Amino acid sequence: MPSVLVVNEIASEREELARALEAEGFQVVQAESAESAIRVIWEGSFLVVFIASILTGTNATQLSEQIRQMAPEVEAFVHGKNDSKAHLVRKAVDIRDGVAAA
């Protein structure tokens, strides 16, 4: 089962996206901070990482780049609060199914 990492400090937003991804057959790991996301990247194998654009103490784009350096096979996306959950789930499904390039 493909794994997705969801990085967001706001638990309700993180859990909402996780539930939508799980409904599409993904195993989801949640991280509440950039630091925990980095730890989790070392511990697992992920297809996609979704990073909330606003994170305390770090720049989401820098975290995305750090993840790409650590695990170049992982697609990392920074998303804003206005990005729909359906759109994010569709990105993950397309990558899993080989439909769209990242």
Protein backbone atom coordinates (compact mmCIF):
# COMPACT_ATOMS: atom_id res chain seq x y z
CA MET A 1 0.00 0.00 0.00
CA PRO A 2 1.50 3.37 -1.00
CA SER A 3 2.39 5.70 1.86
CA VAL A 4 1.79 9.44 2.06
CA LEU A 5 3.18 11.85 4.64
CA VAL A 6 0.99 14.79 5.66
CA VAL A 7 2.80 17.65 7.41
CA ASN A 8 0.57 20.23 9.07
CA GLU A 9 0.60 21.82 12.53
CA ILE A 10 -3.19 22.05 12.59
CA ALA A 11 -4.44 18.63 13.66
CA SER A 12 -7.94 18.97 12.19
CA GLU A 13 -6.58 19.90 8.75
CA ARG A 14 -3.96 17.15 8.88
CA GLU A 15 -6.54 14.54 9.90
CA GLU A 16 -9.06 15.66 7.27
CA LEU A 17 -6.53 15.20 4.48
CA ALA A 18 -5.36 11.91 5.99
CA ARG A 19 -8.93 10.53 6.01
CA ALA A 20 -9.45 11.53 2.37
CA LEU A 21 -6.20 9.84 1.34
CA GLU A 22 -7.00 6.69 3.36
CA ALA A 23 -10.35 6.47 1.59
CA GLU A 24 -8.38 6.18 -1.68
CA GLY A 25 -6.27 3.31 -0.33
CA PHE A 26 -3.19 5.15 0.93
CA GLN A 27 -1.41 4.47 4.18
CA VAL A 28 -0.99 7.88 5.80
CA VAL A 29 1.58 9.04 8.31
CA GLN A 30 1.00 12.39 9.97
CA ALA A 31 3.65 14.84 11.16
CA GLU A 32 2.83 17.91 13.23
CA SER A 33 6.10 19.74 12.53
CA ALA A 34 9.03 19.96 10.14
CA GLU A 35 11.23 18.24 12.71
CA SER A 36 8.92 15.25 13.02
CA ALA A 37 8.58 15.10 9.23
CA ILE A 38 12.36 14.78 8.87
CA ARG A 39 12.44 11.97 11.45
CA VAL A 40 9.61 10.14 9.70
CA ILE A 41 11.24 10.44 6.26
CA TRP A 42 14.22 8.48 7.58
CA GLU A 43 11.94 5.79 9.02
CA GLY A 44 9.73 5.06 6.03
CA SER A 45 9.23 4.99 2.31
CA PHE A 46 6.79 7.51 0.89
CA LEU A 47 5.26 8.13 -2.49
CA VAL A 48 4.13 11.69 -1.73
CA VAL A 49 4.57 14.31 1.01
CA PHE A 50 2.03 17.10 1.41
CA ILE A 51 3.38 20.07 3.38
CA ALA A 52 1.20 22.90 4.68
CA SER A 53 2.52 26.24 3.44
CA ILE A 54 2.60 27.71 6.95
CA LEU A 55 4.81 25.98 9.50
CA THR A 56 6.18 27.54 12.67
CA GLY A 57 9.94 27.94 12.74
CA THR A 58 10.61 26.79 9.20
CA ASN A 59 9.91 27.61 5.59
CA ALA A 60 7.69 25.00 3.92
CA THR A 61 9.57 25.36 0.64
CA GLN A 62 12.88 24.73 2.41
CA LEU A 63 11.39 21.63 4.05
CA SER A 64 10.24 20.42 0.64
CA GLU A 65 13.76 20.87 -0.76
CA GLN A 66 15.29 19.11 2.23
CA ILE A 67 12.96 16.15 1.72
CA ARG A 68 13.85 16.02 -1.98
CA GLN A 69 17.54 15.91 -1.06
CA MET A 70 16.98 13.18 1.53
CA ALA A 71 14.63 11.09 -0.60
CA PRO A 72 14.68 12.17 -4.27
CA GLU A 73 12.13 9.52 -5.21
CA VAL A 74 9.48 11.23 -3.06
CA GLU A 75 7.19 13.85 -4.60
CA ALA A 76 6.85 16.77 -2.17
CA PHE A 77 4.12 19.38 -2.54
CA VAL A 78 3.63 22.57 -0.56
CA HIS A 79 -0.05 23.44 -0.38
CA GLY A 80 -2.04 26.37 0.91
CA LYS A 81 -5.15 26.47 3.01
CA ASN A 82 -7.23 27.19 -0.11
CA ASP A 83 -6.09 24.07 -1.97
CA SER A 84 -8.97 21.62 -1.93
CA LYS A 85 -8.48 18.24 -0.31
CA ALA A 86 -9.94 16.63 -3.44
CA HIS A 87 -7.24 18.28 -5.57
CA LEU A 88 -4.47 17.03 -3.28
CA VAL A 89 -5.89 13.51 -3.17
CA ARG A 90 -6.15 13.53 -6.99
CA LYS A 91 -2.44 14.43 -7.21
CA ALA A 92 -1.55 11.46 -5.02
CA VAL A 93 -3.82 9.09 -6.96
CA ASP A 94 -2.39 10.27 -10.29
CA ILE A 95 1.18 9.74 -9.07
CA ARG A 96 0.32 6.31 -7.66
CA ASP A 97 -1.39 5.29 -10.89
CA GLY A 98 1.29 6.80 -13.13
CA VAL A 99 -1.24 9.09 -14.78
CA ALA A 100 0.54 12.41 -14.28
CA ALA A 101 4.08 13.52 -13.82
CA ALA A 102 4.73 15.36 -10.59
